[in-house]
Amino acid sequence: MSIIGVIIAGIIIGLLGKWVAPKHRDNIPLWLTVICGIAGVLVGYWLAGLFGVAETSGVDWIRWLISIAVAAIFVIIAASLTARRGSRI
């Protein structure tokens, strides 16, 4: 996958990861969501390779689902690390 492809996929996967994450755990800015998505794509593809998911000539749905799950985990971690203390209502 090219750099442009990773960035575009990262934006989409980051937004999907933010959508999948629990709503009280996804209060991070858009730029951090995109970074989580890019990391999710890279780590998700790496994990899929470790699990033996074969590349196909079509859409690799298992790779994308793993990437979305990893991006959601990264969104939750980023929200936990950047949470403002004492601003809960």
Protein backbone atom coordinates (compact mmCIF):
# COMPACT_ATOMS: atom_id res chain seq x y z
CA MET A 1 0.00 0.00 0.00
CA SER A 2 1.36 3.44 -0.90
CA ILE A 3 1.74 6.35 1.52
CA ILE A 4 -1.29 8.11 0.03
CA GLY A 5 -3.31 4.90 0.34
CA VAL A 6 -2.31 4.53 4.00
CA ILE A 7 -3.31 8.14 4.75
CA ILE A 8 -6.68 7.82 2.99
CA ALA A 9 -7.34 4.44 4.60
CA GLY A 10 -6.20 5.90 7.94
CA ILE A 11 -8.75 8.70 7.72
CA ILE A 12 -11.56 6.26 6.96
CA ILE A 13 -10.45 3.62 9.47
CA GLY A 14 -9.87 6.29 12.14
CA LEU A 15 -13.40 7.63 11.74
CA LEU A 16 -14.81 4.09 11.77
CA GLY A 17 -12.73 3.31 14.85
CA LYS A 18 -14.06 6.43 16.55
CA TRP A 19 -17.60 5.39 15.62
CA VAL A 20 -17.05 1.88 17.05
CA ALA A 21 -15.45 3.12 20.29
CA PRO A 22 -17.75 3.71 23.27
CA LYS A 23 -19.13 7.26 23.07
CA HIS A 24 -17.79 8.37 26.44
CA ARG A 25 -14.28 7.26 25.38
CA ASP A 26 -13.92 9.00 21.99
CA ASN A 27 -13.53 12.69 22.87
CA ILE A 28 -10.37 13.33 20.87
CA PRO A 29 -9.72 15.85 18.09
CA LEU A 30 -9.98 14.90 14.42
CA TRP A 31 -6.23 15.04 13.79
CA LEU A 32 -5.63 12.52 16.59
CA THR A 33 -8.41 10.32 15.19
CA VAL A 34 -6.62 10.28 11.82
CA ILE A 35 -3.32 9.35 13.48
CA CYS A 36 -5.08 6.54 15.35
CA GLY A 37 -6.57 5.39 12.05
CA ILE A 38 -3.22 5.37 10.27
CA ALA A 39 -1.69 3.44 13.16
CA GLY A 40 -4.71 1.11 13.08
CA VAL A 41 -4.19 0.38 9.38
CA LEU A 42 -0.48 -0.32 9.79
CA VAL A 43 -0.82 -2.43 12.95
CA GLY A 44 -3.97 -4.13 11.64
CA TYR A 45 -2.25 -5.22 8.45
CA TRP A 46 0.74 -6.44 10.46
CA LEU A 47 -1.50 -8.41 12.83
CA ALA A 48 -3.43 -9.90 9.91
CA GLY A 49 -0.13 -11.09 8.48
CA LEU A 50 0.78 -12.67 11.82
CA PHE A 51 -2.59 -14.45 11.92
CA GLY A 52 -1.98 -15.81 8.42
CA VAL A 53 -4.71 -13.85 6.64
CA ALA A 54 -3.95 -14.25 2.95
CA GLU A 55 -4.06 -11.31 0.55
CA THR A 56 -6.71 -11.67 -2.11
CA SER A 57 -7.29 -9.96 -5.44
CA GLY A 58 -10.51 -8.44 -4.02
CA VAL A 59 -11.30 -6.63 -0.80
CA ASP A 60 -9.58 -8.12 2.24
CA TRP A 61 -12.49 -7.81 4.67
CA ILE A 62 -10.72 -9.57 7.55
CA ARG A 63 -7.75 -7.18 7.29
CA TRP A 64 -10.09 -4.18 7.32
CA LEU A 65 -12.08 -5.47 10.30
CA ILE A 66 -8.86 -6.05 12.24
CA SER A 67 -7.70 -2.53 11.31
CA ILE A 68 -11.00 -1.00 12.51
CA ALA A 69 -10.78 -2.88 15.81
CA VAL A 70 -7.16 -1.78 16.33
CA ALA A 71 -8.06 1.83 15.46
CA ALA A 72 -10.93 1.73 17.99
CA ILE A 73 -8.51 0.52 20.65
CA PHE A 74 -6.10 3.33 19.73
CA VAL A 75 -8.95 5.89 19.92
CA ILE A 76 -9.85 4.65 23.42
CA ILE A 77 -6.20 4.79 24.51
CA ALA A 78 -5.76 8.28 23.04
CA ALA A 79 -8.94 9.49 24.74
CA SER A 80 -7.72 8.08 28.05
CA LEU A 81 -4.32 9.74 27.70
CA THR A 82 -5.71 13.13 26.66
CA ALA A 83 -8.73 13.25 29.00
CA ARG A 84 -9.18 16.46 30.92
CA ARG A 85 -9.33 15.86 34.62
CA GLY A 86 -12.27 17.38 36.48
CA SER A 87 -14.30 18.34 33.39
CA ARG A 88 -16.87 15.56 33.80
CA ILE A 89 -20.47 16.68 34.08
